[in-house]
Amino acid sequence: MSRIWAGTDCGKTHHHCLVMDAGGGTLLSRRVANDEPELLNLLGDVLDLAGGDQVTWALDMTGGEPALLIALLVNHGQELVYVPGIAVNRATDSYRGAGKTDARDARVIADQARMRRDLEPIRPGDDATVELRLLTDRRIDLVGERTRTINRLRSLLNGMFPVLERAVDIGGSTGPLILLSGYQTPAAIRRTGTRRLATWLRNRKVRNPEVLASKAVEAAERQHTAVVGEQAIAKMVHTLAKEVMALNEKITETDKLIEGRFREHELAEVILSVPGVGAILGAEFLVGIGGSLDAFPTPDRLAAFAGVAPAPRDSGQVSGNLRRPQRYHRQLQRVFYTSALISIRCDPNSRRFYDRKRAEGKRHIQAVMALARRRVNVFWALIRDRRCYQATPPPPPHAA
């Protein structure tokens, strides 16, 4: 059966589609609005050009802006492949012309799909995976904003009251944030005193209020000089402390939503059985693999995708040279690395593997990465067999 390729350079308001035949000739080149009627007209025109031939749609994005186009193509049973943007950028240099236009990018996308056989198909995720992706992305944004706010808060406090900044852990617990929401300057803390400050913290349900009050008053006794602009800095510290507490509440709410949605997934019980994996890491794992292992026929493929398997770097007479991969799914790598790090403390098998790698002379990070690679095999096998993790693997079935 003959085939044509429809390369699409995706945008926010418009897409540019270029259709190419087997010989590399252009059959259609059109800019279409990101609107259902126009996208359906484009689909109809491309199918008319195909005349019964197979159409392969190649896109440089797998979600977000082209989500409507992907949904329409999937509903009409079309074949979709993904051409990464970095591959498009690198391939563009090998084509004639120095200009950059949407039509040129669409041509490169279509031509790459025509020539290459290693492109990943675009598989639409189920509702649970899509919802988990939205929730985990939201959580990543909130955590990043909290980190930035805490850094600004520490910087301001270090400029006004450095002793207190060193004495309390602003990012580790809520108590210091509650303290800073009410008292910011050394003079204010000294006037209040240890007993009254401990009572004030206790009324706001701070854990170990006496310890925190004692640290704050001791720090205040060590600084009797007010810096320039202290009142303005104090107001900003108060505002940032409130913002961090509000972000903590939003993250907690998001975590509950993620856990509730994750536990409804058919693979949740299997994933949660693996030591070191909780609901958040489990949800990020599901998002990373697209909700299933359909795209990973072997654990080696999953390990390479997650960036926990070294990539060869041979040249000339040099062979066997390995390096860290440069293209991989960073969120999925974080899932495997973090879960491996946690499992060292709670799983005897993981601890023995880690200790063995350390005894072989590997550094800490190398040993954890080796454990993460081993855990890819465990995840893959458990999901394939739909069974939960056991510290002692079940004996093989006896032959009849």
Protein backbone atom coordinates (compact mmCIF):
# COMPACT_ATOMS: atom_id res chain seq x y z
CA MET A 1 0.00 0.00 0.00
CA SER A 2 1.30 3.50 -0.87
CA ARG A 3 1.76 6.06 1.86
CA ILE A 4 1.84 9.84 2.26
CA TRP A 5 3.16 11.85 5.17
CA ALA A 6 1.54 14.92 6.75
CA GLY A 7 4.08 16.91 8.75
CA THR A 8 2.57 19.44 11.12
CA ASP A 9 4.38 22.31 12.79
CA CYS A 10 2.18 22.96 15.81
CA GLY A 11 1.41 26.40 17.23
CA LYS A 12 -0.89 28.05 19.73
CA THR A 13 -3.38 29.63 17.34
CA HIS A 14 -2.42 28.01 14.03
CA HIS A 15 -0.73 24.87 12.71
CA HIS A 16 1.06 24.49 9.40
CA CYS A 17 0.59 21.16 7.64
CA LEU A 18 2.64 19.95 4.66
CA VAL A 19 1.77 16.69 2.92
CA MET A 20 4.56 14.80 1.15
CA ASP A 21 4.48 11.79 -1.16
CA ALA A 22 6.91 8.86 -1.25
CA GLY A 23 9.23 10.72 -3.61
CA GLY A 24 9.46 13.81 -1.40
CA GLY A 25 7.13 15.93 -3.51
CA THR A 26 4.74 18.40 -1.91
CA LEU A 27 1.06 17.57 -2.29
CA LEU A 28 -0.36 20.21 0.05
CA SER A 29 0.96 23.03 2.22
CA ARG A 30 -1.54 24.92 4.34
CA ARG A 31 -1.76 27.05 7.47
CA VAL A 32 -4.87 26.18 9.46
CA ALA A 33 -6.40 27.69 12.58
CA ASN A 34 -6.47 25.63 15.75
CA ASP A 35 -10.22 25.30 15.36
CA GLU A 36 -12.28 22.13 14.91
CA PRO A 37 -14.06 23.00 11.60
CA GLU A 38 -10.81 24.03 9.90
CA LEU A 39 -8.94 21.01 11.24
CA LEU A 40 -11.70 18.71 9.98
CA ASN A 41 -11.49 20.37 6.55
CA LEU A 42 -7.74 19.75 6.54
CA LEU A 43 -8.26 16.12 7.51
CA GLY A 44 -10.78 15.66 4.72
CA ASP A 45 -8.48 17.23 2.12
CA VAL A 46 -5.52 15.07 3.19
CA LEU A 47 -7.62 11.91 3.04
CA ASP A 48 -8.83 12.91 -0.45
CA LEU A 49 -5.21 13.32 -1.53
CA ALA A 50 -4.41 9.89 -0.12
CA GLY A 51 -7.13 8.27 -2.20
CA GLY A 52 -7.18 5.19 -0.04
CA ASP A 53 -3.44 5.21 0.70
CA GLN A 54 -2.08 5.15 4.24
CA VAL A 55 -1.53 8.56 5.87
CA THR A 56 1.09 9.08 8.58
CA TRP A 57 0.68 12.28 10.56
CA ALA A 58 3.90 13.58 12.11
CA LEU A 59 3.79 16.21 14.87
CA ASP A 60 6.50 17.99 16.84
CA MET A 61 4.41 18.05 20.03
CA THR A 62 2.44 15.36 21.87
CA GLY A 63 0.06 17.49 23.93
CA GLY A 64 -0.94 20.98 24.95
CA GLU A 65 -1.41 23.19 21.89
CA PRO A 66 -2.12 20.37 19.38
CA ALA A 67 -4.37 18.44 21.79
CA LEU A 68 -7.49 19.15 19.70
CA LEU A 69 -5.77 18.06 16.49
CA ILE A 70 -4.49 14.86 18.12
CA ALA A 71 -7.97 14.06 19.46
CA LEU A 72 -9.53 14.53 16.01
CA LEU A 73 -6.91 12.36 14.31
CA VAL A 74 -7.24 9.61 16.90
CA ASN A 75 -11.04 9.64 16.61
CA HIS A 76 -10.66 9.14 12.84
CA GLY A 77 -8.24 6.25 13.24
CA GLN A 78 -5.19 8.04 11.87
CA GLU A 79 -1.57 6.98 12.48
CA LEU A 80 0.44 9.54 14.48
CA VAL A 81 4.17 9.71 15.14
CA TYR A 82 6.22 12.13 17.21
CA VAL A 83 9.21 14.00 15.77
CA PRO A 84 10.99 15.72 18.71
CA GLY A 85 11.63 19.41 18.32
CA ILE A 86 15.37 18.94 18.88
CA ALA A 87 15.44 16.45 15.99
CA VAL A 88 13.66 18.98 13.77
CA ASN A 89 16.14 21.73 14.70
CA ARG A 90 19.17 19.56 14.01
CA ALA A 91 17.77 18.17 10.76
CA THR A 92 16.89 21.66 9.46
CA ASP A 93 20.58 22.49 9.01
CA SER A 94 20.89 19.74 6.40
CA TYR A 95 18.17 21.27 4.18
CA ARG A 96 18.77 24.06 1.70
CA GLY A 97 17.93 27.59 2.74
CA ALA A 98 18.74 29.60 5.84
CA GLY A 99 15.32 31.01 6.63
CA LYS A 100 13.00 29.62 9.28
CA THR A 101 9.27 29.46 8.60
CA ASP A 102 6.44 27.25 9.75
CA ALA A 103 6.17 25.81 6.24
CA ARG A 104 9.87 24.90 6.26
CA ASP A 105 9.57 23.24 9.67
CA ALA A 106 6.50 21.30 8.50
CA ARG A 107 8.48 20.08 5.47
CA VAL A 108 11.32 18.90 7.69
CA ILE A 109 8.86 17.10 9.99
CA ALA A 110 7.15 15.34 7.08
CA ASP A 111 10.46 14.38 5.47
CA GLN A 112 11.87 13.02 8.73
CA ALA A 113 8.75 10.89 9.17
CA ARG A 114 9.13 9.68 5.58
CA MET A 115 12.76 8.60 6.02
CA ARG A 116 12.92 7.40 9.62
CA ARG A 117 11.53 4.20 11.08
CA ASP A 118 12.48 4.78 14.72
CA LEU A 119 9.92 7.46 15.58
CA GLU A 120 7.69 6.87 18.56
CA PRO A 121 3.95 6.64 17.89
CA ILE A 122 1.72 9.12 19.68
CA ARG A 123 -0.61 7.19 21.95
CA PRO A 124 -3.50 9.10 23.50
CA GLY A 125 -3.57 8.68 27.24
CA ASP A 126 -6.62 7.58 29.17
CA ASP A 127 -8.55 10.01 31.33
CA ALA A 128 -6.78 8.90 34.51
CA THR A 129 -3.31 9.46 33.03
CA VAL A 130 -4.26 12.84 31.58
CA GLU A 131 -5.69 13.95 34.92
CA LEU A 132 -2.62 12.73 36.79
CA ARG A 133 -0.39 14.60 34.33
CA LEU A 134 -2.27 17.82 34.98
CA LEU A 135 -2.13 17.33 38.75
CA THR A 136 1.56 16.38 38.86
CA ASP A 137 2.49 19.29 36.60
CA ARG A 138 0.54 21.57 38.91
CA ARG A 139 2.39 20.15 41.91
CA ILE A 140 5.78 20.69 40.23
CA ASP A 141 4.86 24.33 39.59
CA LEU A 142 3.76 24.82 43.21
CA VAL A 143 6.89 23.20 44.63
CA GLY A 144 9.07 25.34 42.39
CA GLU A 145 7.26 28.51 43.45
CA ARG A 146 7.59 27.51 47.12
CA THR A 147 11.33 26.96 46.70
CA ARG A 148 11.76 30.37 45.08
CA THR A 149 9.71 32.08 47.79
CA ILE A 150 11.66 30.36 50.59
CA ASN A 151 14.93 31.45 48.99
CA ARG A 152 13.73 35.07 48.86
CA LEU A 153 12.57 34.83 52.46
CA ARG A 154 15.91 33.46 53.62
CA SER A 155 17.79 36.17 51.75
CA LEU A 156 15.73 38.94 53.35
CA LEU A 157 15.93 37.44 56.82
CA ASN A 158 19.67 36.94 56.48
CA GLY A 159 20.06 40.62 55.69
CA MET A 160 17.97 41.75 58.66
CA PHE A 161 18.27 39.03 61.34
CA PRO A 162 21.01 36.55 60.29
CA VAL A 163 21.20 34.79 63.66
CA LEU A 164 17.55 33.74 63.48
CA GLU A 165 17.94 32.60 59.86
CA ARG A 166 20.67 30.21 60.99
CA ALA A 167 18.84 29.10 64.14
CA VAL A 168 15.57 27.93 62.57
CA ASP A 169 14.80 25.78 59.53
CA ILE A 170 12.43 27.88 57.45
CA GLY A 171 11.89 25.27 54.74
CA GLY A 172 11.71 22.24 57.01
CA SER A 173 8.59 22.83 59.09
CA THR A 174 5.67 25.18 59.54
CA GLY A 175 6.66 26.44 63.01
CA PRO A 176 9.30 28.96 61.91
CA LEU A 177 6.94 30.29 59.23
CA ILE A 178 4.22 30.89 61.83
CA LEU A 179 6.78 32.61 64.03
CA LEU A 180 7.82 34.94 61.18
CA SER A 181 4.22 35.71 60.35
CA GLY A 182 3.88 37.31 63.79
CA TYR A 183 7.39 38.38 64.85
CA GLN A 184 10.22 39.36 62.53
CA THR A 185 12.63 41.74 64.30
CA PRO A 186 14.98 41.02 67.23
CA ALA A 187 13.43 43.84 69.28
CA ALA A 188 9.90 42.46 68.88
CA ILE A 189 10.99 38.96 69.94
CA ARG A 190 12.91 40.29 72.97
CA ARG A 191 9.92 42.34 74.14
CA THR A 192 7.66 39.29 73.96
CA GLY A 193 9.94 36.96 75.90
CA THR A 194 10.24 33.19 75.88
CA ARG A 195 7.12 32.35 77.90
CA ARG A 196 4.69 34.61 76.03
CA LEU A 197 6.15 33.63 72.68
CA ALA A 198 5.82 29.92 73.50
CA THR A 199 2.18 30.47 74.50
CA TRP A 200 1.52 32.37 71.27
CA LEU A 201 3.04 29.55 69.22
CA ARG A 202 1.17 26.87 71.20
CA ASN A 203 -2.16 28.58 70.53
CA ARG A 204 -1.37 28.27 66.81
CA LYS A 205 -0.68 24.53 67.17
CA VAL A 206 3.09 24.73 66.58
CA ARG A 207 4.97 21.58 67.52
CA ASN A 208 7.48 21.98 70.39
CA PRO A 209 6.67 25.69 70.89
CA GLU A 210 9.02 26.03 73.90
CA VAL A 211 12.05 24.90 71.86
CA LEU A 212 11.29 27.25 68.98
CA ALA A 213 10.57 30.19 71.32
CA SER A 214 13.82 29.59 73.19
CA LYS A 215 15.83 29.57 69.93
CA ALA A 216 14.16 32.76 68.74
CA VAL A 217 14.71 34.67 71.98
CA GLU A 218 18.31 33.45 72.23
CA ALA A 219 18.93 34.69 68.68
CA ALA A 220 17.30 38.03 69.50
CA GLU A 221 19.53 38.49 72.54
CA ARG A 222 22.56 38.19 70.25
CA GLN A 223 21.49 41.12 68.02
CA HIS A 224 20.62 44.54 69.42
CA THR A 225 21.35 46.54 66.27
CA ALA A 226 18.59 47.38 63.80
CA VAL A 227 19.68 47.35 60.16
CA VAL A 228 18.71 50.10 57.72
CA GLY A 229 15.21 49.53 56.36
CA GLU A 230 14.31 47.03 59.07
CA GLN A 231 10.59 47.88 59.12
CA ALA A 232 10.22 47.48 55.36
CA ILE A 233 12.15 44.20 55.42
CA ALA A 234 10.01 42.96 58.32
CA LYS A 235 6.82 43.60 56.35
CA MET A 236 8.21 41.71 53.37
CA VAL A 237 9.28 38.80 55.60
CA HIS A 238 5.74 38.67 57.02
CA THR A 239 4.25 38.61 53.51
CA LEU A 240 6.60 35.92 52.21
CA ALA A 241 6.05 33.71 55.27
CA LYS A 242 2.31 33.88 54.63
CA GLU A 243 2.87 33.03 50.96
CA VAL A 244 4.93 29.96 51.82
CA MET A 245 2.25 28.71 54.22
CA ALA A 246 -0.41 29.24 51.55
CA LEU A 247 1.71 27.30 49.03
CA ASN A 248 2.14 24.50 51.55
CA GLU A 249 -1.62 24.24 51.86
CA LYS A 250 -2.05 24.15 48.08
CA ILE A 251 0.58 21.43 47.76
CA THR A 252 -1.14 19.38 50.46
CA GLU A 253 -4.48 19.70 48.68
CA THR A 254 -2.90 18.73 45.37
CA ASP A 255 -1.21 15.72 46.99
CA LYS A 256 -4.60 14.49 48.22
CA LEU A 257 -6.08 14.84 44.74
CA ILE A 258 -3.14 13.00 43.19
CA GLU A 259 -3.31 10.17 45.71
CA GLY A 260 -7.06 9.75 45.31
CA ARG A 261 -6.87 9.64 41.51
CA PHE A 262 -3.78 7.43 41.49
CA ARG A 263 -5.32 4.78 43.76
CA GLU A 264 -8.17 4.39 41.29
CA HIS A 265 -5.76 3.25 38.56
CA GLU A 266 -5.54 -0.47 37.82
CA LEU A 267 -1.76 -0.49 38.34
CA ALA A 268 -1.77 1.44 41.62
CA GLU A 269 -1.60 -1.62 43.89
CA VAL A 270 1.30 -3.10 41.93
CA ILE A 271 3.27 0.14 41.87
CA LEU A 272 2.70 0.93 45.55
CA SER A 273 3.98 -2.52 46.53
CA VAL A 274 7.50 -1.58 45.37
CA PRO A 275 9.57 -0.32 48.34
CA GLY A 276 10.31 3.38 48.22
CA VAL A 277 7.32 4.29 46.07
CA GLY A 278 4.40 6.32 47.37
CA ALA A 279 1.37 7.82 45.70
CA ILE A 280 3.21 10.90 44.36
CA LEU A 281 6.13 8.99 42.84
CA GLY A 282 3.71 6.34 41.60
CA ALA A 283 1.58 8.95 39.86
CA GLU A 284 4.66 10.53 38.26
CA PHE A 285 5.74 7.07 37.07
CA LEU A 286 2.37 6.46 35.45
CA VAL A 287 2.50 9.84 33.75
CA GLY A 288 6.03 9.15 32.52
CA ILE A 289 5.12 5.85 30.84
CA GLY A 290 1.80 7.12 29.52
CA GLY A 291 -0.32 4.87 31.76
CA SER A 292 0.96 1.55 30.38
CA LEU A 293 4.04 -0.26 29.11
CA ASP A 294 2.78 -0.47 25.54
CA ALA A 295 5.63 1.75 24.33
CA PHE A 296 8.28 -0.29 26.18
CA PRO A 297 8.44 -3.89 24.94
CA THR A 298 11.57 -4.53 27.02
CA PRO A 299 12.95 -3.18 30.32
CA ASP A 300 16.02 -1.99 28.42
CA ARG A 301 13.83 0.33 26.36
CA LEU A 302 12.27 1.73 29.53
CA ALA A 303 15.67 2.18 31.18
CA ALA A 304 17.01 4.07 28.16
CA PHE A 305 13.90 6.27 28.04
CA ALA A 306 14.25 7.06 31.76
CA GLY A 307 17.97 7.85 31.48
CA VAL A 308 19.15 5.26 34.01
CA ALA A 309 21.10 3.21 31.44
CA PRO A 310 24.47 4.53 30.20
CA ALA A 311 24.82 5.35 26.50
CA PRO A 312 27.85 4.11 24.50
CA ARG A 313 30.32 6.67 23.23
CA ASP A 314 32.72 4.82 20.97
CA SER A 315 34.97 6.43 18.39
CA GLY A 316 37.75 4.97 16.26
CA GLN A 317 39.75 2.47 18.30
CA VAL A 318 38.04 3.47 21.54
CA SER A 319 35.25 1.08 22.47
CA GLY A 320 33.33 0.31 25.61
CA ASN A 321 33.23 3.98 26.57
CA LEU A 322 29.97 4.85 28.37
CA ARG A 323 28.48 8.21 29.32
CA ARG A 324 25.31 9.66 30.78
CA PRO A 325 22.58 9.97 28.16
CA GLN A 326 21.70 13.49 27.09
CA ARG A 327 18.14 12.81 25.95
CA TYR A 328 15.88 11.15 28.47
CA HIS A 329 12.69 11.68 30.47
CA ARG A 330 13.94 13.66 33.45
CA GLN A 331 10.83 13.26 35.57
CA LEU A 332 10.93 9.49 35.10
CA GLN A 333 14.62 9.41 36.01
CA ARG A 334 13.81 11.32 39.20
CA VAL A 335 11.15 8.73 40.06
CA PHE A 336 13.56 5.81 39.75
CA TYR A 337 16.45 7.60 41.47
CA THR A 338 14.37 8.93 44.37
CA SER A 339 12.59 5.62 44.95
CA ALA A 340 15.95 3.81 44.87
CA LEU A 341 17.36 6.25 47.43
CA ILE A 342 14.39 5.67 49.73
CA SER A 343 14.41 1.89 49.27
CA ILE A 344 17.99 1.68 50.58
CA ARG A 345 16.59 2.58 54.02
CA CYS A 346 13.50 0.37 53.97
CA ASP A 347 14.22 -2.67 51.77
CA PRO A 348 16.89 -5.27 52.69
CA ASN A 349 17.36 -6.38 49.08
CA SER A 350 18.01 -2.83 47.93
CA ARG A 351 20.38 -2.23 50.82
CA ARG A 352 22.42 -5.33 49.99
CA PHE A 353 22.63 -4.34 46.32
CA TYR A 354 23.73 -0.81 47.24
CA ASP A 355 26.36 -2.06 49.70
CA ARG A 356 27.71 -4.47 47.10
CA LYS A 357 28.13 -1.68 44.56
CA ARG A 358 29.84 0.51 47.13
CA ALA A 359 32.21 -2.35 47.96
CA GLU A 360 33.05 -2.56 44.25
CA GLY A 361 34.37 1.01 44.45
CA LYS A 362 31.38 2.91 43.05
CA ARG A 363 30.54 6.32 44.45
CA HIS A 364 27.23 6.95 46.20
CA ILE A 365 25.45 8.41 43.18
CA GLN A 366 26.78 5.65 40.91
CA ALA A 367 25.55 2.98 43.31
CA VAL A 368 22.11 4.56 43.56
CA MET A 369 21.89 4.85 39.76
CA ALA A 370 22.84 1.17 39.44
CA LEU A 371 20.07 0.31 41.89
CA ALA A 372 17.66 2.50 39.93
CA ARG A 373 18.53 0.56 36.78
CA ARG A 374 17.89 -2.73 38.58
CA ARG A 375 14.52 -1.43 39.79
CA VAL A 376 13.46 -0.73 36.21
CA ASN A 377 13.52 -4.50 35.65
CA VAL A 378 11.44 -4.99 38.80
CA PHE A 379 8.82 -2.42 37.77
CA TRP A 380 8.61 -3.80 34.26
CA ALA A 381 8.24 -7.43 35.37
CA LEU A 382 5.67 -6.67 38.07
CA ILE A 383 3.50 -4.64 35.70
CA ARG A 384 3.81 -7.27 32.98
CA ASP A 385 2.72 -10.04 35.35
CA ARG A 386 0.22 -7.86 37.27
CA ARG A 387 1.60 -9.01 40.63
CA CYS A 388 2.82 -7.18 43.70
CA TYR A 389 6.39 -6.98 44.93
CA GLN A 390 7.63 -9.59 47.39
CA ALA A 391 10.91 -9.35 49.28
CA THR A 392 11.42 -13.06 48.58
CA PRO A 393 10.41 -13.85 44.97
CA PRO A 394 7.97 -16.74 44.53
CA PRO A 395 9.52 -20.07 43.49
CA PRO A 396 9.25 -20.97 39.80
CA PRO A 397 6.38 -23.32 38.93
CA HIS A 398 7.37 -26.99 38.83
CA ALA A 399 7.21 -28.71 35.50
CA ALA A 400 4.42 -31.21 35.25
